[in-house]
Amino acid sequence: MIYLIAAICANLCMTFLMRYSEHHNGNCYALNIWNYLAGSLISLMLLQDKSLIWSGNAVTWGAGIVNGIGFLAALVLLQISIRRNGAPLTTTFNRLGILIPTILSIFLFDEIPQIIQIAGLLLCIFAIIFMNSGDSSERPDFNIGLILVFLLGGTLDTISKIFSRYNNADSQTCFVLYTFLAAFVISILLFFKKEPHMSLQDALIGIGVGIPNQLCTLFLLRAASRLPAYIVYPTYSASLILLVNIINYLVFRETLNKRQYIATGIIGLGVVLINLV
């Protein structure tokens, strides 16, 4: 459980540093370079057996590279969605992605949810439909972005869940290292293609995002290898949805409309029901 709590704290730090970065008008491509460089270095330091870096099997390399591409795509989507939809809605839909690994775990790992947990899943699905109904003034500004955040977040959670299920701690750390290295290389290519300039502030914020980003990924992997998916991901998601909404209101005074508050509350209730065992 300690890994799960640590993952929640790390994600909170990352979310609000990204929220802050939207106001400093820097280069997001430069920020991403430092983000994934910091994550790669931390993964390297945490790897006890350094010889595994080059002797890792093809599955670990392949999964890490695919995960890295997804990580970068998800980060870019999160940055855009936070700017257009705000941190609460973006975090809610990102963490709603737990529906994907939770449902797939039923078929892949025989982690059968109880009736009350199925009710929670249905509530979450209803909330998505409810939030995206109504007139245009009540819908999120960047609707498709929220759906993509949901799908990509759930896919990445699924990859991590499957990998953690069959690999030990060192292999998990290698997987995270390959993930961040792949994202780092792609970030460099995008940087030189789009905006080849950076500031000290870009570097500092990027490092600040990269450290909790890496730790969050690693801690969630460790938690998923010790606890069932229907405990890890719903608890992680419900805590983030609740805490991001509270902190965002208290610090940034960012509010939602009535329909969005109701849908967020339904999602919160849904993930709590999913977590009841």
Protein backbone atom coordinates (compact mmCIF):
# COMPACT_ATOMS: atom_id res chain seq x y z
CA MET A 1 0.00 0.00 0.00
CA ILE A 2 2.96 2.35 0.62
CA TYR A 3 3.82 2.22 -3.10
CA LEU A 4 0.27 3.20 -3.98
CA ILE A 5 0.32 6.22 -1.63
CA ALA A 6 3.71 7.28 -3.00
CA ALA A 7 2.39 7.05 -6.59
CA ILE A 8 -0.56 9.29 -5.70
CA CYS A 9 1.70 11.94 -4.13
CA ALA A 10 4.11 11.86 -7.10
CA ASN A 11 1.25 12.28 -9.60
CA LEU A 12 -0.13 15.25 -7.68
CA CYS A 13 3.25 16.98 -7.83
CA MET A 14 3.51 16.29 -11.58
CA THR A 15 -0.04 17.50 -12.31
CA PHE A 16 0.35 20.86 -10.62
CA LEU A 17 3.82 21.48 -12.02
CA MET A 18 2.27 20.92 -15.46
CA ARG A 19 -0.56 23.27 -14.45
CA TYR A 20 2.01 25.89 -13.50
CA SER A 21 3.97 25.37 -16.74
CA GLU A 22 0.91 26.43 -18.75
CA HIS A 23 1.34 29.95 -17.32
CA HIS A 24 5.04 30.52 -17.87
CA ASN A 25 4.79 30.59 -21.70
CA GLY A 26 7.81 28.39 -22.22
CA ASN A 27 8.64 25.78 -24.83
CA CYS A 28 6.76 22.55 -24.07
CA TYR A 29 9.11 20.59 -26.37
CA ALA A 30 12.13 21.72 -24.34
CA LEU A 31 10.27 20.95 -21.10
CA ASN A 32 9.60 17.41 -22.32
CA ILE A 33 13.29 16.82 -23.08
CA TRP A 34 14.30 17.64 -19.49
CA ASN A 35 11.30 15.77 -18.12
CA TYR A 36 12.30 12.49 -19.76
CA LEU A 37 16.03 13.03 -19.25
CA ALA A 38 15.43 13.40 -15.49
CA GLY A 39 13.22 10.31 -15.50
CA SER A 40 15.83 8.29 -17.40
CA LEU A 41 18.61 9.26 -14.97
CA ILE A 42 16.52 8.37 -11.92
CA SER A 43 15.61 5.00 -13.46
CA LEU A 44 19.32 4.37 -14.08
CA MET A 45 20.21 5.23 -10.47
CA LEU A 46 17.46 2.97 -9.09
CA LEU A 47 18.54 0.00 -11.21
CA GLN A 48 20.59 -2.24 -8.92
CA ASP A 49 22.05 -4.46 -11.64
CA LYS A 50 23.34 -2.03 -14.30
CA SER A 51 24.31 -4.90 -16.62
CA LEU A 52 20.60 -5.42 -17.29
CA ILE A 53 20.52 -2.19 -19.32
CA TRP A 54 22.13 -3.85 -22.33
CA SER A 55 21.12 -7.43 -21.64
CA GLY A 56 17.40 -6.78 -21.33
CA ASN A 57 15.20 -9.14 -23.35
CA ALA A 58 13.34 -8.12 -26.50
CA VAL A 59 9.99 -8.03 -24.68
CA THR A 60 11.25 -5.49 -22.14
CA TRP A 61 12.85 -3.34 -24.87
CA GLY A 62 9.77 -3.52 -27.09
CA ALA A 63 7.27 -2.85 -24.30
CA GLY A 64 9.40 0.03 -23.03
CA ILE A 65 9.68 1.68 -26.45
CA VAL A 66 5.95 1.35 -27.16
CA ASN A 67 5.20 2.66 -23.67
CA GLY A 68 7.61 5.57 -24.22
CA ILE A 69 5.85 6.63 -27.41
CA GLY A 70 2.53 6.43 -25.59
CA PHE A 71 3.95 8.36 -22.62
CA LEU A 72 5.02 11.27 -24.79
CA ALA A 73 1.72 11.33 -26.69
CA ALA A 74 -0.16 11.24 -23.39
CA LEU A 75 1.93 14.08 -21.92
CA VAL A 76 1.32 16.31 -24.95
CA LEU A 77 -2.42 15.55 -24.74
CA LEU A 78 -2.43 16.27 -21.00
CA GLN A 79 -0.68 19.62 -21.55
CA ILE A 80 -3.21 20.65 -24.20
CA SER A 81 -6.20 19.40 -22.21
CA ILE A 82 -5.10 21.09 -18.97
CA ARG A 83 -4.81 24.36 -20.88
CA ARG A 84 -8.24 24.03 -22.54
CA ASN A 85 -10.30 21.96 -20.06
CA GLY A 86 -8.50 22.60 -16.78
CA ALA A 87 -6.72 20.20 -14.42
CA PRO A 88 -9.81 18.69 -12.69
CA LEU A 89 -11.55 17.44 -15.85
CA THR A 90 -8.29 16.32 -17.43
CA THR A 91 -7.27 14.36 -14.34
CA THR A 92 -10.76 12.85 -14.02
CA PHE A 93 -10.74 11.50 -17.58
CA ASN A 94 -7.11 10.45 -17.42
CA ARG A 95 -7.73 8.37 -14.31
CA LEU A 96 -11.04 7.12 -15.66
CA GLY A 97 -8.81 5.08 -17.97
CA ILE A 98 -8.66 2.52 -15.14
CA LEU A 99 -11.79 1.06 -16.65
CA ILE A 100 -9.64 -0.44 -19.40
CA PRO A 101 -7.14 -2.48 -17.29
CA THR A 102 -9.85 -3.31 -14.76
CA ILE A 103 -12.11 -4.84 -17.43
CA LEU A 104 -9.24 -6.54 -19.28
CA SER A 105 -7.97 -8.07 -16.01
CA ILE A 106 -11.23 -10.00 -15.79
CA PHE A 107 -10.31 -11.87 -18.97
CA LEU A 108 -6.51 -11.91 -18.68
CA PHE A 109 -5.95 -12.65 -14.99
CA ASP A 110 -9.31 -13.96 -13.74
CA GLU A 111 -9.62 -11.00 -11.36
CA ILE A 112 -13.40 -11.21 -11.21
CA PRO A 113 -15.12 -8.11 -9.73
CA GLN A 114 -18.11 -8.43 -7.43
CA ILE A 115 -21.57 -7.05 -8.29
CA ILE A 116 -20.95 -3.80 -6.40
CA GLN A 117 -17.74 -3.28 -8.37
CA ILE A 118 -19.59 -3.87 -11.64
CA ALA A 119 -22.07 -1.21 -10.49
CA GLY A 120 -19.12 1.15 -10.05
CA LEU A 121 -17.94 0.45 -13.59
CA LEU A 122 -21.41 1.20 -14.96
CA LEU A 123 -21.59 4.46 -12.98
CA CYS A 124 -18.30 5.61 -14.49
CA ILE A 125 -19.52 4.84 -18.00
CA PHE A 126 -22.78 6.70 -17.31
CA ALA A 127 -20.83 9.71 -16.03
CA ILE A 128 -18.88 9.96 -19.30
CA ILE A 129 -22.13 9.97 -21.29
CA PHE A 130 -23.76 12.43 -18.89
CA MET A 131 -20.85 14.88 -18.99
CA ASN A 132 -20.83 14.91 -22.78
CA SER A 133 -24.59 15.42 -23.15
CA GLY A 134 -26.50 18.67 -22.75
CA ASP A 135 -25.99 21.85 -24.76
CA SER A 136 -22.61 23.07 -26.01
CA SER A 137 -22.13 25.50 -23.11
CA GLU A 138 -22.15 22.61 -20.63
CA ARG A 139 -19.75 20.37 -22.55
CA PRO A 140 -15.97 20.45 -22.10
CA ASP A 141 -14.13 22.80 -24.45
CA PHE A 142 -11.80 20.13 -25.86
CA ASN A 143 -14.13 17.14 -25.84
CA ILE A 144 -12.15 14.84 -28.13
CA GLY A 145 -9.03 15.58 -26.09
CA LEU A 146 -10.67 14.19 -22.94
CA ILE A 147 -11.72 11.01 -24.76
CA LEU A 148 -8.17 10.54 -26.08
CA VAL A 149 -6.73 11.18 -22.59
CA PHE A 150 -9.08 8.48 -21.27
CA LEU A 151 -8.18 5.92 -23.96
CA LEU A 152 -4.44 6.53 -23.93
CA GLY A 153 -4.23 6.63 -20.12
CA GLY A 154 -6.10 3.32 -19.90
CA THR A 155 -3.91 1.71 -22.56
CA LEU A 156 -0.70 2.72 -20.76
CA ASP A 157 -2.09 1.45 -17.44
CA THR A 158 -2.85 -1.88 -19.15
CA ILE A 159 0.68 -2.21 -20.56
CA SER A 160 2.14 -1.51 -17.10
CA LYS A 161 -0.23 -3.95 -15.42
CA ILE A 162 0.61 -6.79 -17.83
CA PHE A 163 4.36 -6.16 -17.59
CA SER A 164 4.39 -5.92 -13.78
CA ARG A 165 2.44 -9.17 -13.55
CA TYR A 166 5.22 -11.24 -15.11
CA ASN A 167 8.46 -9.43 -14.21
CA ASN A 168 10.56 -8.76 -11.10
CA ALA A 169 11.61 -5.40 -9.62
CA ASP A 170 14.80 -4.99 -11.71
CA SER A 171 12.96 -5.80 -14.93
CA GLN A 172 10.27 -3.28 -13.98
CA THR A 173 12.94 -0.61 -13.45
CA CYS A 174 14.47 -1.50 -16.85
CA PHE A 175 11.04 -1.20 -18.41
CA VAL A 176 10.61 2.30 -16.95
CA LEU A 177 14.15 3.24 -18.08
CA TYR A 178 13.46 2.15 -21.67
CA THR A 179 10.14 4.00 -21.53
CA PHE A 180 11.77 7.27 -20.56
CA LEU A 181 14.71 6.85 -22.95
CA ALA A 182 12.34 6.29 -25.89
CA ALA A 183 10.28 9.35 -24.92
CA PHE A 184 13.51 11.36 -24.45
CA VAL A 185 14.80 10.55 -27.96
CA ILE A 186 11.46 11.39 -29.59
CA SER A 187 11.27 14.63 -27.57
CA ILE A 188 14.66 15.71 -28.95
CA LEU A 189 13.51 15.05 -32.52
CA LEU A 190 10.30 17.05 -31.97
CA PHE A 191 12.24 19.87 -30.31
CA PHE A 192 14.55 20.41 -33.29
CA LYS A 193 11.67 20.06 -35.75
CA LYS A 194 9.26 22.44 -33.97
CA GLU A 195 10.91 24.97 -31.63
CA PRO A 196 14.72 24.62 -31.24
CA HIS A 197 15.13 27.04 -28.35
CA MET A 198 14.89 26.66 -24.57
CA SER A 199 15.23 28.67 -21.38
CA LEU A 200 16.52 27.87 -17.90
CA GLN A 201 12.92 27.88 -16.69
CA ASP A 202 12.01 25.22 -19.26
CA ALA A 203 14.81 23.02 -17.92
CA LEU A 204 13.90 23.53 -14.26
CA ILE A 205 10.19 22.85 -14.76
CA GLY A 206 10.99 19.85 -16.99
CA ILE A 207 13.23 18.33 -14.31
CA GLY A 208 10.59 19.11 -11.70
CA VAL A 209 7.97 17.24 -13.75
CA GLY A 210 10.33 14.40 -14.70
CA ILE A 211 11.24 13.32 -11.16
CA PRO A 212 7.66 12.66 -9.92
CA ASN A 213 6.73 11.36 -13.39
CA GLN A 214 9.32 8.60 -13.15
CA LEU A 215 8.62 7.81 -9.49
CA CYS A 216 4.88 7.69 -10.12
CA THR A 217 5.36 5.18 -12.95
CA LEU A 218 7.69 2.98 -10.91
CA PHE A 219 5.63 3.09 -7.70
CA LEU A 220 2.45 2.21 -9.61
CA LEU A 221 4.20 -0.75 -11.21
CA ARG A 222 5.32 -2.00 -7.79
CA ALA A 223 1.83 -1.54 -6.37
CA ALA A 224 0.24 -3.37 -9.32
CA SER A 225 2.60 -6.31 -8.84
CA ARG A 226 1.47 -6.71 -5.21
CA LEU A 227 -2.26 -5.89 -5.30
CA PRO A 228 -5.17 -6.74 -7.66
CA ALA A 229 -5.91 -4.28 -10.47
CA TYR A 230 -9.38 -3.52 -9.08
CA ILE A 231 -7.74 -2.21 -5.88
CA VAL A 232 -4.69 -0.39 -7.26
CA TYR A 233 -6.15 1.58 -10.16
CA PRO A 234 -9.50 2.63 -8.63
CA THR A 235 -7.82 3.78 -5.37
CA TYR A 236 -5.16 5.64 -7.33
CA SER A 237 -7.73 7.26 -9.59
CA ALA A 238 -10.30 8.17 -6.94
CA SER A 239 -7.64 9.79 -4.75
CA LEU A 240 -6.28 11.84 -7.65
CA ILE A 241 -9.72 12.97 -8.82
CA LEU A 242 -10.67 14.11 -5.32
CA LEU A 243 -7.35 15.73 -4.38
CA VAL A 244 -6.82 17.52 -7.72
CA ASN A 245 -10.32 19.03 -7.54
CA ILE A 246 -9.81 20.20 -3.95
CA ILE A 247 -6.31 21.61 -4.46
CA ASN A 248 -7.19 23.17 -7.82
CA TYR A 249 -10.12 25.03 -6.25
CA LEU A 250 -8.21 26.17 -3.16
CA VAL A 251 -5.05 27.26 -5.01
CA PHE A 252 -6.16 28.22 -8.53
CA ARG A 253 -9.86 28.98 -7.87
CA GLU A 254 -10.79 26.96 -10.95
CA THR A 255 -14.42 25.83 -10.95
CA LEU A 256 -16.55 23.49 -13.08
CA ASN A 257 -20.13 23.90 -14.25
CA LYS A 258 -23.00 22.06 -12.55
CA ARG A 259 -23.09 19.14 -15.01
CA GLN A 260 -19.32 18.64 -14.72
CA TYR A 261 -19.45 18.67 -10.90
CA ILE A 262 -22.25 16.07 -10.92
CA ALA A 263 -20.39 13.85 -13.39
CA THR A 264 -17.15 14.15 -11.39
CA GLY A 265 -19.05 13.16 -8.24
CA ILE A 266 -20.57 10.14 -9.99
CA ILE A 267 -17.12 9.10 -11.19
CA GLY A 268 -15.77 9.45 -7.65
CA LEU A 269 -18.59 7.26 -6.32
CA GLY A 270 -18.02 4.77 -9.13
CA VAL A 271 -14.33 4.30 -8.41
CA VAL A 272 -15.07 3.94 -4.68
CA LEU A 273 -17.56 1.15 -5.44
CA ILE A 274 -15.01 -0.52 -7.73
CA ASN A 275 -12.56 -0.48 -4.80
CA LEU A 276 -14.91 -2.14 -2.29
CA VAL A 277 -13.86 -5.74 -1.57
